[in-house]
Amino acid sequence: SPRLRLVRWQAAGRPVPALQTGIAGESVLFVDPADIPAHADVAALGQALAAQGALGERYELMAVFAACTGLRWGELAALTIAQIDQDARTVTVDRKVIEIGGTLHIEPPKGRKQRRTIYPRLSPGGYPLADKVTARLDAARAEHDAGTNPAGLMFPSPRGACWRSSNFARRVLAPAYHAAGWCPAPAGHPAWTWHSLRHVFCTTALFT
């Protein structure tokens, strides 16, 4: 073949690349099972969030939704009505919010890769997720029409804009973590964070 004649073969004394080895089993991305909250732990966090006044039920929905869809914090904070298909129970993840120099910016998700994820009717802990999402969609549309939620966000701040992660962590998550036993952690128990909900999603998707 005239094409093969031009191939630069690994021969004639030319150096051969060193063999690449991998580690079977655990890798640098391995997450210890103790670092992953159980479904009961997710439910406890949701209940602690639900107890936080008028917006408590929305905060609970945020936590369960994150645990059942795998959305990162920035993707959840930027989530809009248009990204959710309630009939198919799918979410198109094509944006996130980040903070640079005190200013919030909307940009593509991590790696600039759009993806689609799903959510169940009921969470593994028994939370009626699909019904709650539908109710929140209706409420968000009403807020958008009234002008209090201009971007049509699923989980806006009390002012109708994207949450800043630092504000949400301080005002909402910190007291809920303590109430749910997430932080400070008891002896021998990991201190879970919001990102731990993504690990819950991954293990649930793998095994169920």
N, C-alpha and C. Protein backbone atom coordinates (compact mmCIF):
# COMPACT_ATOMS: atom_id res chain seq x y z
N SER A 1 0.84 -1.18 0.00
CA SER A 1 0.00 0.00 0.00
C SER A 1 0.89 1.25 0.00
N PRO A 2 0.67 2.18 -0.89
CA PRO A 2 1.48 3.40 -0.93
C PRO A 2 1.31 4.24 0.33
N ARG A 3 0.15 4.10 1.01
CA ARG A 3 -0.06 4.87 2.23
C ARG A 3 0.75 4.29 3.38
N LEU A 4 0.76 2.97 3.51
CA LEU A 4 1.53 2.34 4.58
C LEU A 4 3.03 2.58 4.41
N ARG A 5 3.46 2.76 3.15
CA ARG A 5 4.87 2.97 2.90
C ARG A 5 5.38 4.26 3.57
N LEU A 6 4.45 5.22 3.82
CA LEU A 6 4.83 6.50 4.40
C LEU A 6 4.67 6.54 5.93
N VAL A 7 4.19 5.44 6.52
CA VAL A 7 3.99 5.42 7.96
C VAL A 7 5.33 5.39 8.68
N ARG A 8 5.47 6.19 9.74
CA ARG A 8 6.71 6.20 10.50
C ARG A 8 6.63 5.08 11.54
N TRP A 9 7.15 3.91 11.22
CA TRP A 9 7.07 2.76 12.11
C TRP A 9 8.05 2.90 13.26
N GLN A 10 7.71 2.27 14.40
CA GLN A 10 8.61 2.25 15.56
C GLN A 10 9.67 1.17 15.31
N ALA A 11 10.69 1.53 14.56
CA ALA A 11 11.74 0.56 14.20
C ALA A 11 13.01 1.32 13.85
N ALA A 12 13.97 0.59 13.38
CA ALA A 12 15.24 1.18 12.92
C ALA A 12 15.92 2.00 14.00
N GLY A 13 15.84 1.52 15.25
CA GLY A 13 16.56 2.18 16.31
C GLY A 13 15.88 3.40 16.90
N ARG A 14 14.69 3.78 16.38
CA ARG A 14 13.99 4.94 16.94
C ARG A 14 13.44 4.57 18.32
N PRO A 15 13.43 5.52 19.27
CA PRO A 15 12.99 5.20 20.64
C PRO A 15 11.50 4.85 20.68
N VAL A 16 11.19 3.85 21.46
CA VAL A 16 9.80 3.44 21.66
C VAL A 16 9.28 4.13 22.93
N PRO A 17 8.07 4.74 22.90
CA PRO A 17 7.55 5.41 24.09
C PRO A 17 7.45 4.44 25.26
N ALA A 18 7.69 4.98 26.45
CA ALA A 18 7.60 4.15 27.66
C ALA A 18 6.18 3.65 27.85
N LEU A 19 6.03 2.45 28.37
CA LEU A 19 4.71 1.88 28.63
C LEU A 19 4.01 2.67 29.72
N GLN A 20 2.73 2.94 29.51
CA GLN A 20 1.93 3.64 30.49
C GLN A 20 1.20 2.63 31.36
N THR A 21 1.32 2.75 32.66
CA THR A 21 0.65 1.83 33.57
C THR A 21 -0.47 2.53 34.30
N GLY A 22 -1.49 1.78 34.64
CA GLY A 22 -2.59 2.31 35.42
C GLY A 22 -2.77 1.50 36.69
N ILE A 23 -3.51 2.06 37.62
CA ILE A 23 -3.76 1.39 38.89
C ILE A 23 -5.16 0.79 38.85
N ALA A 24 -5.23 -0.52 39.01
CA ALA A 24 -6.53 -1.18 39.02
C ALA A 24 -7.24 -0.89 40.34
N GLY A 25 -8.55 -0.65 40.24
CA GLY A 25 -9.31 -0.40 41.47
C GLY A 25 -9.33 1.08 41.80
N GLU A 26 -8.76 1.44 42.94
CA GLU A 26 -8.80 2.82 43.39
C GLU A 26 -7.95 3.72 42.49
N SER A 27 -8.47 4.89 42.21
CA SER A 27 -7.75 5.88 41.41
C SER A 27 -7.72 7.19 42.18
N VAL A 28 -7.17 8.21 41.53
CA VAL A 28 -7.11 9.52 42.18
C VAL A 28 -8.50 10.10 42.38
N LEU A 29 -9.49 9.58 41.66
CA LEU A 29 -10.86 10.07 41.80
C LEU A 29 -11.68 9.25 42.79
N PHE A 30 -11.05 8.27 43.43
CA PHE A 30 -11.78 7.42 44.36
C PHE A 30 -12.30 8.24 45.54
N VAL A 31 -13.55 8.00 45.90
CA VAL A 31 -14.17 8.64 47.06
C VAL A 31 -14.52 7.56 48.06
N ASP A 32 -14.01 7.68 49.25
CA ASP A 32 -14.28 6.68 50.29
C ASP A 32 -15.78 6.67 50.61
N PRO A 33 -16.38 5.49 50.75
CA PRO A 33 -17.82 5.43 51.07
C PRO A 33 -18.20 6.24 52.31
N ALA A 34 -17.27 6.36 53.27
CA ALA A 34 -17.57 7.14 54.47
C ALA A 34 -17.74 8.62 54.17
N ASP A 35 -17.24 9.06 53.02
CA ASP A 35 -17.35 10.47 52.63
C ASP A 35 -18.63 10.75 51.86
N ILE A 36 -19.49 9.74 51.70
CA ILE A 36 -20.73 9.89 50.95
C ILE A 36 -21.91 9.78 51.90
N PRO A 37 -22.74 10.81 52.02
CA PRO A 37 -23.90 10.72 52.91
C PRO A 37 -24.87 9.62 52.47
N ALA A 38 -25.50 8.98 53.43
CA ALA A 38 -26.55 8.01 53.13
C ALA A 38 -27.83 8.78 52.80
N HIS A 39 -28.81 8.07 52.25
CA HIS A 39 -30.06 8.74 51.89
C HIS A 39 -30.74 9.33 53.13
N ALA A 40 -30.60 8.69 54.27
CA ALA A 40 -31.16 9.23 55.50
C ALA A 40 -30.47 10.54 55.89
N ASP A 41 -29.18 10.64 55.59
CA ASP A 41 -28.44 11.87 55.89
C ASP A 41 -28.90 13.01 54.98
N VAL A 42 -29.18 12.69 53.73
CA VAL A 42 -29.70 13.70 52.81
C VAL A 42 -31.08 14.17 53.28
N ALA A 43 -31.90 13.23 53.71
CA ALA A 43 -33.23 13.59 54.22
C ALA A 43 -33.12 14.47 55.45
N ALA A 44 -32.15 14.18 56.32
CA ALA A 44 -31.96 14.99 57.53
C ALA A 44 -31.56 16.41 57.18
N LEU A 45 -30.69 16.56 56.18
CA LEU A 45 -30.31 17.90 55.73
C LEU A 45 -31.51 18.62 55.14
N GLY A 46 -32.29 17.91 54.34
CA GLY A 46 -33.48 18.52 53.75
C GLY A 46 -34.45 19.00 54.81
N GLN A 47 -34.65 18.21 55.84
CA GLN A 47 -35.57 18.61 56.91
C GLN A 47 -35.05 19.81 57.68
N ALA A 48 -33.72 19.86 57.87
CA ALA A 48 -33.13 21.01 58.56
C ALA A 48 -33.29 22.27 57.72
N LEU A 49 -33.17 22.14 56.40
CA LEU A 49 -33.37 23.28 55.52
C LEU A 49 -34.84 23.71 55.48
N ALA A 50 -35.73 22.71 55.51
CA ALA A 50 -37.16 23.01 55.46
C ALA A 50 -37.63 23.81 56.66
N ALA A 51 -36.91 23.71 57.76
CA ALA A 51 -37.29 24.41 58.98
C ALA A 51 -36.89 25.88 58.98
N GLN A 52 -36.27 26.34 57.90
CA GLN A 52 -35.75 27.71 57.85
C GLN A 52 -36.74 28.69 57.23
N GLY A 53 -37.84 28.88 57.88
CA GLY A 53 -38.76 29.95 57.50
C GLY A 53 -39.50 29.73 56.20
N ALA A 54 -39.90 30.86 55.59
CA ALA A 54 -40.79 30.83 54.43
C ALA A 54 -40.18 30.14 53.22
N LEU A 55 -38.88 30.24 53.04
CA LEU A 55 -38.23 29.64 51.89
C LEU A 55 -37.66 28.26 52.19
N GLY A 56 -37.94 27.74 53.37
CA GLY A 56 -37.37 26.46 53.79
C GLY A 56 -37.69 25.32 52.86
N GLU A 57 -38.92 25.24 52.38
CA GLU A 57 -39.28 24.13 51.50
C GLU A 57 -38.51 24.19 50.18
N ARG A 58 -38.24 25.42 49.70
CA ARG A 58 -37.45 25.55 48.48
C ARG A 58 -36.02 25.09 48.71
N TYR A 59 -35.47 25.41 49.88
CA TYR A 59 -34.11 24.96 50.19
C TYR A 59 -34.04 23.44 50.29
N GLU A 60 -35.08 22.84 50.87
CA GLU A 60 -35.12 21.38 50.95
C GLU A 60 -35.15 20.78 49.55
N LEU A 61 -35.96 21.37 48.67
CA LEU A 61 -36.03 20.89 47.29
C LEU A 61 -34.67 21.01 46.61
N MET A 62 -33.96 22.09 46.87
CA MET A 62 -32.63 22.27 46.27
C MET A 62 -31.71 21.11 46.66
N ALA A 63 -31.69 20.76 47.94
CA ALA A 63 -30.80 19.71 48.41
C ALA A 63 -31.16 18.36 47.81
N VAL A 64 -32.43 18.00 47.82
CA VAL A 64 -32.85 16.70 47.27
C VAL A 64 -32.64 16.67 45.76
N PHE A 65 -32.93 17.79 45.11
CA PHE A 65 -32.74 17.88 43.66
C PHE A 65 -31.27 17.69 43.29
N ALA A 66 -30.37 18.32 44.06
CA ALA A 66 -28.93 18.17 43.81
C ALA A 66 -28.50 16.72 44.01
N ALA A 67 -29.02 16.07 45.05
CA ALA A 67 -28.64 14.69 45.34
C ALA A 67 -29.18 13.72 44.30
N CYS A 68 -30.25 14.09 43.61
CA CYS A 68 -30.88 13.18 42.65
C CYS A 68 -30.54 13.50 41.20
N THR A 69 -29.87 14.64 40.94
CA THR A 69 -29.51 15.00 39.56
C THR A 69 -28.01 15.13 39.36
N GLY A 70 -27.25 15.35 40.44
CA GLY A 70 -25.82 15.51 40.31
C GLY A 70 -25.38 16.89 39.88
N LEU A 71 -26.27 17.87 39.90
CA LEU A 71 -25.88 19.22 39.52
C LEU A 71 -24.89 19.81 40.52
N ARG A 72 -23.86 20.45 40.01
CA ARG A 72 -22.93 21.18 40.87
C ARG A 72 -23.61 22.46 41.36
N TRP A 73 -22.99 23.08 42.38
CA TRP A 73 -23.62 24.27 42.96
C TRP A 73 -23.88 25.36 41.91
N GLY A 74 -22.86 25.68 41.10
CA GLY A 74 -23.03 26.74 40.11
C GLY A 74 -24.09 26.43 39.08
N GLU A 75 -24.24 25.13 38.74
CA GLU A 75 -25.28 24.73 37.78
C GLU A 75 -26.66 24.84 38.40
N LEU A 76 -26.76 24.52 39.67
CA LEU A 76 -28.05 24.60 40.37
C LEU A 76 -28.47 26.05 40.55
N ALA A 77 -27.52 26.91 40.92
CA ALA A 77 -27.84 28.32 41.16
C ALA A 77 -28.27 29.02 39.88
N ALA A 78 -27.79 28.54 38.73
CA ALA A 78 -28.12 29.16 37.45
C ALA A 78 -29.28 28.46 36.73
N LEU A 79 -29.85 27.43 37.33
CA LEU A 79 -30.88 26.61 36.68
C LEU A 79 -32.14 27.43 36.41
N THR A 80 -32.66 27.32 35.18
CA THR A 80 -33.86 28.05 34.78
C THR A 80 -35.00 27.09 34.46
N ILE A 81 -36.17 27.68 34.36
CA ILE A 81 -37.37 26.91 34.02
C ILE A 81 -37.18 26.15 32.71
N ALA A 82 -36.60 26.82 31.72
CA ALA A 82 -36.49 26.25 30.37
C ALA A 82 -35.61 25.02 30.32
N GLN A 83 -34.77 24.81 31.32
CA GLN A 83 -33.85 23.67 31.28
C GLN A 83 -34.49 22.37 31.76
N ILE A 84 -35.69 22.45 32.30
CA ILE A 84 -36.34 21.26 32.88
C ILE A 84 -37.50 20.80 32.01
N ASP A 85 -37.50 19.53 31.67
CA ASP A 85 -38.62 18.89 30.99
C ASP A 85 -39.33 18.03 32.03
N GLN A 86 -40.44 18.54 32.56
CA GLN A 86 -41.10 17.83 33.66
C GLN A 86 -41.78 16.56 33.21
N ASP A 87 -42.16 16.45 31.93
CA ASP A 87 -42.79 15.23 31.44
C ASP A 87 -41.77 14.08 31.35
N ALA A 88 -40.60 14.39 30.84
CA ALA A 88 -39.55 13.37 30.72
C ALA A 88 -38.71 13.28 31.99
N ARG A 89 -38.89 14.23 32.90
CA ARG A 89 -38.10 14.34 34.13
C ARG A 89 -36.61 14.40 33.80
N THR A 90 -36.26 15.30 32.88
CA THR A 90 -34.86 15.49 32.50
C THR A 90 -34.46 16.95 32.72
N VAL A 91 -33.16 17.15 32.87
CA VAL A 91 -32.60 18.48 33.06
C VAL A 91 -31.46 18.65 32.06
N THR A 92 -31.51 19.69 31.26
CA THR A 92 -30.42 20.02 30.35
C THR A 92 -29.47 20.95 31.08
N VAL A 93 -28.25 20.50 31.28
CA VAL A 93 -27.26 21.28 32.02
C VAL A 93 -26.35 21.97 31.01
N ASP A 94 -26.60 23.24 30.76
CA ASP A 94 -25.84 23.96 29.75
C ASP A 94 -25.33 25.31 30.24
N ARG A 95 -25.40 25.56 31.56
CA ARG A 95 -24.93 26.82 32.09
C ARG A 95 -24.61 26.70 33.57
N LYS A 96 -23.81 27.62 34.04
CA LYS A 96 -23.50 27.70 35.46
C LYS A 96 -23.22 29.16 35.78
N VAL A 97 -23.24 29.48 37.07
CA VAL A 97 -22.89 30.82 37.51
C VAL A 97 -21.59 30.75 38.30
N ILE A 98 -20.69 31.69 38.04
CA ILE A 98 -19.46 31.79 38.81
C ILE A 98 -19.29 33.23 39.25
N GLU A 99 -18.50 33.42 40.30
CA GLU A 99 -18.25 34.76 40.82
C GLU A 99 -16.78 35.11 40.58
N ILE A 100 -16.56 36.24 39.89
CA ILE A 100 -15.20 36.71 39.60
C ILE A 100 -15.11 38.17 40.02
N GLY A 101 -14.24 38.44 40.97
CA GLY A 101 -14.06 39.81 41.43
C GLY A 101 -15.33 40.43 41.98
N GLY A 102 -16.16 39.60 42.63
CA GLY A 102 -17.39 40.11 43.22
C GLY A 102 -18.56 40.22 42.26
N THR A 103 -18.34 39.85 40.99
CA THR A 103 -19.40 39.94 39.98
C THR A 103 -19.78 38.54 39.52
N LEU A 104 -21.08 38.28 39.39
CA LEU A 104 -21.56 36.98 38.94
C LEU A 104 -21.59 36.94 37.42
N HIS A 105 -21.16 35.80 36.87
CA HIS A 105 -21.14 35.61 35.42
C HIS A 105 -21.78 34.27 35.08
N ILE A 106 -22.54 34.24 34.00
CA ILE A 106 -23.12 32.99 33.48
C ILE A 106 -22.23 32.49 32.36
N GLU A 107 -21.85 31.23 32.43
CA GLU A 107 -20.99 30.64 31.40
C GLU A 107 -21.35 29.17 31.25
N PRO A 108 -20.79 28.48 30.23
CA PRO A 108 -21.07 27.04 30.06
C PRO A 108 -20.59 26.25 31.27
N PRO A 109 -21.12 25.05 31.45
CA PRO A 109 -20.73 24.22 32.61
C PRO A 109 -19.28 23.77 32.53
N LYS A 110 -18.84 23.05 33.56
CA LYS A 110 -17.45 22.62 33.66
C LYS A 110 -17.01 21.88 32.39
N GLY A 111 -15.82 22.25 31.89
CA GLY A 111 -15.32 21.63 30.67
C GLY A 111 -16.05 22.10 29.43
N ARG A 112 -16.95 23.09 29.60
CA ARG A 112 -17.76 23.61 28.49
C ARG A 112 -18.52 22.49 27.78
N LYS A 113 -18.96 21.51 28.58
CA LYS A 113 -19.67 20.36 28.03
C LYS A 113 -21.10 20.34 28.52
N GLN A 114 -22.04 20.43 27.58
CA GLN A 114 -23.46 20.32 27.92
C GLN A 114 -23.80 18.86 28.16
N ARG A 115 -24.69 18.60 29.10
CA ARG A 115 -25.12 17.23 29.35
C ARG A 115 -26.59 17.23 29.75
N ARG A 116 -27.15 16.05 29.82
CA ARG A 116 -28.54 15.90 30.26
C ARG A 116 -28.57 14.89 31.38
N THR A 117 -29.32 15.21 32.42
CA THR A 117 -29.45 14.30 33.55
C THR A 117 -30.93 14.09 33.83
N ILE A 118 -31.23 13.19 34.76
CA ILE A 118 -32.61 12.81 35.03
C ILE A 118 -32.88 12.95 36.53
N TYR A 119 -34.15 12.91 36.88
CA TYR A 119 -34.52 12.84 38.30
C TYR A 119 -35.71 11.91 38.48
N PRO A 120 -35.79 11.22 39.60
CA PRO A 120 -36.85 10.22 39.82
C PRO A 120 -38.13 10.87 40.32
N ARG A 121 -39.21 10.11 40.29
CA ARG A 121 -40.47 10.59 40.87
C ARG A 121 -40.33 10.75 42.38
N LEU A 122 -39.73 9.75 43.00
CA LEU A 122 -39.47 9.78 44.44
C LEU A 122 -37.98 9.65 44.66
N SER A 123 -37.47 10.40 45.62
CA SER A 123 -36.06 10.23 45.98
C SER A 123 -35.90 8.90 46.71
N PRO A 124 -34.69 8.37 46.82
CA PRO A 124 -34.49 7.13 47.58
C PRO A 124 -34.96 7.25 49.03
N GLY A 125 -35.03 8.49 49.54
CA GLY A 125 -35.52 8.70 50.90
C GLY A 125 -37.02 8.89 50.99
N GLY A 126 -37.72 8.81 49.84
CA GLY A 126 -39.18 8.92 49.84
C GLY A 126 -39.72 10.32 49.59
N TYR A 127 -38.88 11.27 49.24
CA TYR A 127 -39.31 12.64 48.98
C TYR A 127 -39.99 12.70 47.61
N PRO A 128 -41.21 13.28 47.51
CA PRO A 128 -41.94 13.33 46.22
C PRO A 128 -41.33 14.35 45.27
N LEU A 129 -40.18 14.04 44.72
CA LEU A 129 -39.39 15.01 43.98
C LEU A 129 -40.10 15.54 42.74
N ALA A 130 -40.67 14.64 41.92
CA ALA A 130 -41.30 15.09 40.68
C ALA A 130 -42.44 16.06 40.96
N ASP A 131 -43.27 15.77 41.94
CA ASP A 131 -44.38 16.66 42.28
C ASP A 131 -43.87 18.01 42.80
N LYS A 132 -42.81 17.97 43.59
CA LYS A 132 -42.26 19.21 44.13
C LYS A 132 -41.64 20.07 43.03
N VAL A 133 -40.97 19.42 42.07
CA VAL A 133 -40.39 20.15 40.94
C VAL A 133 -41.49 20.81 40.11
N THR A 134 -42.57 20.07 39.86
CA THR A 134 -43.68 20.62 39.09
C THR A 134 -44.28 21.84 39.80
N ALA A 135 -44.47 21.74 41.11
CA ALA A 135 -45.02 22.87 41.86
C ALA A 135 -44.08 24.06 41.82
N ARG A 136 -42.77 23.80 41.91
CA ARG A 136 -41.81 24.90 41.87
C ARG A 136 -41.76 25.54 40.49
N LEU A 137 -41.89 24.73 39.44
CA LEU A 137 -41.94 25.28 38.08
C LEU A 137 -43.10 26.24 37.93
N ASP A 138 -44.27 25.86 38.43
CA ASP A 138 -45.44 26.73 38.36
C ASP A 138 -45.20 28.03 39.12
N ALA A 139 -44.60 27.91 40.30
CA ALA A 139 -44.34 29.10 41.11
C ALA A 139 -43.31 30.00 40.43
N ALA A 140 -42.27 29.41 39.84
CA ALA A 140 -41.24 30.20 39.17
C ALA A 140 -41.79 30.93 37.96
N ARG A 141 -42.69 30.28 37.23
CA ARG A 141 -43.33 30.95 36.09
C ARG A 141 -44.15 32.15 36.55
N ALA A 142 -44.86 31.97 37.66
CA ALA A 142 -45.66 33.07 38.20
C ALA A 142 -44.75 34.22 38.65
N GLU A 143 -43.63 33.89 39.26
CA GLU A 143 -42.67 34.92 39.68
C GLU A 143 -42.11 35.66 38.47
N HIS A 144 -41.82 34.90 37.42
CA HIS A 144 -41.28 35.51 36.20
C HIS A 144 -42.30 36.47 35.60
N ASP A 145 -43.54 36.05 35.52
CA ASP A 145 -44.59 36.90 34.95
C ASP A 145 -44.80 38.15 35.79
N ALA A 146 -44.59 38.03 37.11
CA ALA A 146 -44.78 39.17 38.00
C ALA A 146 -43.56 40.08 38.05
N GLY A 147 -42.46 39.65 37.44
CA GLY A 147 -41.26 40.46 37.41
C GLY A 147 -40.36 40.32 38.61
N THR A 148 -40.67 39.40 39.53
CA THR A 148 -39.83 39.23 40.72
C THR A 148 -38.72 38.20 40.50
N ASN A 149 -38.79 37.50 39.38
CA ASN A 149 -37.78 36.49 39.04
C ASN A 149 -37.50 36.63 37.54
N PRO A 150 -36.81 37.71 37.14
CA PRO A 150 -36.66 38.05 35.72
C PRO A 150 -36.05 36.96 34.87
N ALA A 151 -35.09 36.22 35.41
CA ALA A 151 -34.40 35.19 34.62
C ALA A 151 -35.13 33.85 34.64
N GLY A 152 -36.22 33.75 35.38
CA GLY A 152 -36.93 32.48 35.47
C GLY A 152 -36.13 31.41 36.16
N LEU A 153 -35.43 31.78 37.23
CA LEU A 153 -34.59 30.83 37.95
C LEU A 153 -35.43 29.88 38.79
N MET A 154 -34.99 28.63 38.86
CA MET A 154 -35.68 27.67 39.70
C MET A 154 -35.45 27.95 41.18
N PHE A 155 -34.23 28.38 41.50
CA PHE A 155 -33.88 28.58 42.91
C PHE A 155 -33.22 29.95 43.10
N PRO A 156 -33.98 31.02 42.92
CA PRO A 156 -33.38 32.35 43.05
C PRO A 156 -33.15 32.72 44.51
N SER A 157 -32.34 33.74 44.71
CA SER A 157 -32.17 34.31 46.04
C SER A 157 -33.44 35.07 46.40
N PRO A 158 -33.58 35.50 47.65
CA PRO A 158 -34.78 36.27 48.02
C PRO A 158 -34.99 37.52 47.16
N ARG A 159 -33.94 38.02 46.53
CA ARG A 159 -34.07 39.19 45.67
C ARG A 159 -34.35 38.82 44.22
N GLY A 160 -34.50 37.55 43.92
CA GLY A 160 -34.85 37.13 42.57
C GLY A 160 -33.68 36.99 41.62
N ALA A 161 -32.45 36.94 42.16
CA ALA A 161 -31.26 36.79 41.33
C ALA A 161 -30.55 35.49 41.70
N CYS A 162 -29.43 35.23 41.04
CA CYS A 162 -28.65 34.04 41.38
C CYS A 162 -28.04 34.18 42.77
N TRP A 163 -28.07 33.10 43.52
CA TRP A 163 -27.42 33.08 44.82
C TRP A 163 -25.90 33.18 44.64
N ARG A 164 -25.26 33.91 45.55
CA ARG A 164 -23.81 33.82 45.69
C ARG A 164 -23.53 32.65 46.62
N SER A 165 -22.58 31.81 46.25
CA SER A 165 -22.33 30.61 47.04
C SER A 165 -21.94 30.95 48.47
N SER A 166 -21.18 32.03 48.66
CA SER A 166 -20.76 32.42 50.01
C SER A 166 -21.95 32.84 50.86
N ASN A 167 -22.88 33.57 50.27
CA ASN A 167 -24.08 33.99 51.01
C ASN A 167 -24.95 32.80 51.37
N PHE A 168 -25.14 31.89 50.42
CA PHE A 168 -25.98 30.72 50.68
C PHE A 168 -25.34 29.84 51.76
N ALA A 169 -24.02 29.68 51.66
CA ALA A 169 -23.33 28.84 52.65
C ALA A 169 -23.45 29.43 54.05
N ARG A 170 -23.33 30.74 54.16
CA ARG A 170 -23.35 31.38 55.47
C ARG A 170 -24.77 31.47 56.05
N ARG A 171 -25.72 31.88 55.23
CA ARG A 171 -27.06 32.16 55.74
C ARG A 171 -27.95 30.92 55.83
N VAL A 172 -27.76 30.00 54.90
CA VAL A 172 -28.68 28.86 54.79
C VAL A 172 -28.02 27.55 55.23
N LEU A 173 -26.86 27.24 54.65
CA LEU A 173 -26.27 25.93 54.87
C LEU A 173 -25.65 25.76 56.25
N ALA A 174 -24.96 26.77 56.74
CA ALA A 174 -24.26 26.62 58.01
C ALA A 174 -25.18 26.17 59.14
N PRO A 175 -26.32 26.84 59.38
CA PRO A 175 -27.21 26.35 60.45
C PRO A 175 -27.82 24.99 60.15
N ALA A 176 -28.08 24.70 58.87
CA ALA A 176 -28.66 23.41 58.51
C ALA A 176 -27.65 22.28 58.72
N TYR A 177 -26.39 22.52 58.39
CA TYR A 177 -25.36 21.51 58.61
C TYR A 177 -25.29 21.12 60.09
N HIS A 178 -25.35 22.10 60.95
CA HIS A 178 -25.28 21.83 62.39
C HIS A 178 -26.53 21.06 62.85
N ALA A 179 -27.69 21.51 62.38
CA ALA A 179 -28.94 20.86 62.80
C ALA A 179 -29.03 19.42 62.31
N ALA A 180 -28.46 19.14 61.13
CA ALA A 180 -28.54 17.79 60.55
C ALA A 180 -27.39 16.90 60.97
N GLY A 181 -26.44 17.44 61.74
CA GLY A 181 -25.29 16.65 62.16
C GLY A 181 -24.23 16.48 61.10
N TRP A 182 -24.25 17.35 60.08
CA TRP A 182 -23.25 17.26 59.01
C TRP A 182 -21.94 17.91 59.42
N CYS A 183 -22.01 18.97 60.19
CA CYS A 183 -20.82 19.72 60.57
C CYS A 183 -21.15 20.56 61.80
N PRO A 184 -20.28 20.57 62.83
CA PRO A 184 -19.02 19.84 62.90
C PRO A 184 -19.25 18.34 63.03
N ALA A 185 -18.35 17.58 62.48
CA ALA A 185 -18.53 16.13 62.43
C ALA A 185 -18.16 15.49 63.76
N PRO A 186 -18.93 14.48 64.19
CA PRO A 186 -18.55 13.71 65.38
C PRO A 186 -17.24 12.98 65.14
N ALA A 187 -16.64 12.48 66.18
CA ALA A 187 -15.38 11.76 66.07
C ALA A 187 -15.52 10.59 65.10
N GLY A 188 -14.62 10.50 64.16
CA GLY A 188 -14.64 9.40 63.20
C GLY A 188 -15.65 9.56 62.09
N HIS A 189 -16.32 10.72 62.01
CA HIS A 189 -17.35 10.94 61.01
C HIS A 189 -16.90 12.07 60.08
N PRO A 190 -17.06 11.93 58.76
CA PRO A 190 -16.60 12.98 57.85
C PRO A 190 -17.49 14.21 57.92
N ALA A 191 -16.89 15.35 57.65
CA ALA A 191 -17.65 16.60 57.56
C ALA A 191 -18.12 16.74 56.11
N TRP A 192 -19.40 16.45 55.87
CA TRP A 192 -19.92 16.52 54.51
C TRP A 192 -20.15 17.97 54.09
N THR A 193 -20.15 18.19 52.79
CA THR A 193 -20.40 19.51 52.23
C THR A 193 -21.48 19.39 51.16
N TRP A 194 -21.82 20.52 50.55
CA TRP A 194 -22.83 20.50 49.49
C TRP A 194 -22.38 19.60 48.34
N HIS A 195 -21.07 19.59 48.04
CA HIS A 195 -20.57 18.76 46.94
C HIS A 195 -20.76 17.27 47.24
N SER A 196 -20.92 16.92 48.50
CA SER A 196 -21.16 15.52 48.85
C SER A 196 -22.45 15.01 48.23
N LEU A 197 -23.39 15.91 47.95
CA LEU A 197 -24.65 15.51 47.33
C LEU A 197 -24.40 14.98 45.92
N ARG A 198 -23.38 15.49 45.27
CA ARG A 198 -23.04 14.98 43.93
C ARG A 198 -22.53 13.55 44.02
N HIS A 199 -21.80 13.24 45.07
CA HIS A 199 -21.35 11.86 45.27
C HIS A 199 -22.54 10.94 45.53
N VAL A 200 -23.56 11.45 46.22
CA VAL A 200 -24.77 10.66 46.46
C VAL A 200 -25.41 10.30 45.11
N PHE A 201 -25.51 11.29 44.22
CA PHE A 201 -26.10 11.04 42.91
C PHE A 201 -25.31 9.97 42.14
N CYS A 202 -23.97 10.11 42.15
CA CYS A 202 -23.14 9.19 41.37
C CYS A 202 -23.29 7.75 41.85
N THR A 203 -23.27 7.55 43.16
CA THR A 203 -23.39 6.19 43.67
C THR A 203 -24.79 5.63 43.45
N THR A 204 -25.81 6.48 43.58
CA THR A 204 -27.18 6.03 43.33
C THR A 204 -27.34 5.64 41.87
N ALA A 205 -26.79 6.46 40.95
CA ALA A 205 -26.89 6.15 39.52
C ALA A 205 -26.16 4.86 39.18
N LEU A 206 -25.03 4.61 39.82
CA LEU A 206 -24.25 3.41 39.54
C LEU A 206 -24.95 2.14 40.00
N PHE A 207 -25.54 2.22 41.19
CA PHE A 207 -26.03 0.98 41.81
C PHE A 207 -27.53 0.77 41.68
N THR A 208 -28.29 1.80 41.34
CA THR A 208 -29.73 1.60 41.16
C THR A 208 -30.23 2.10 39.81
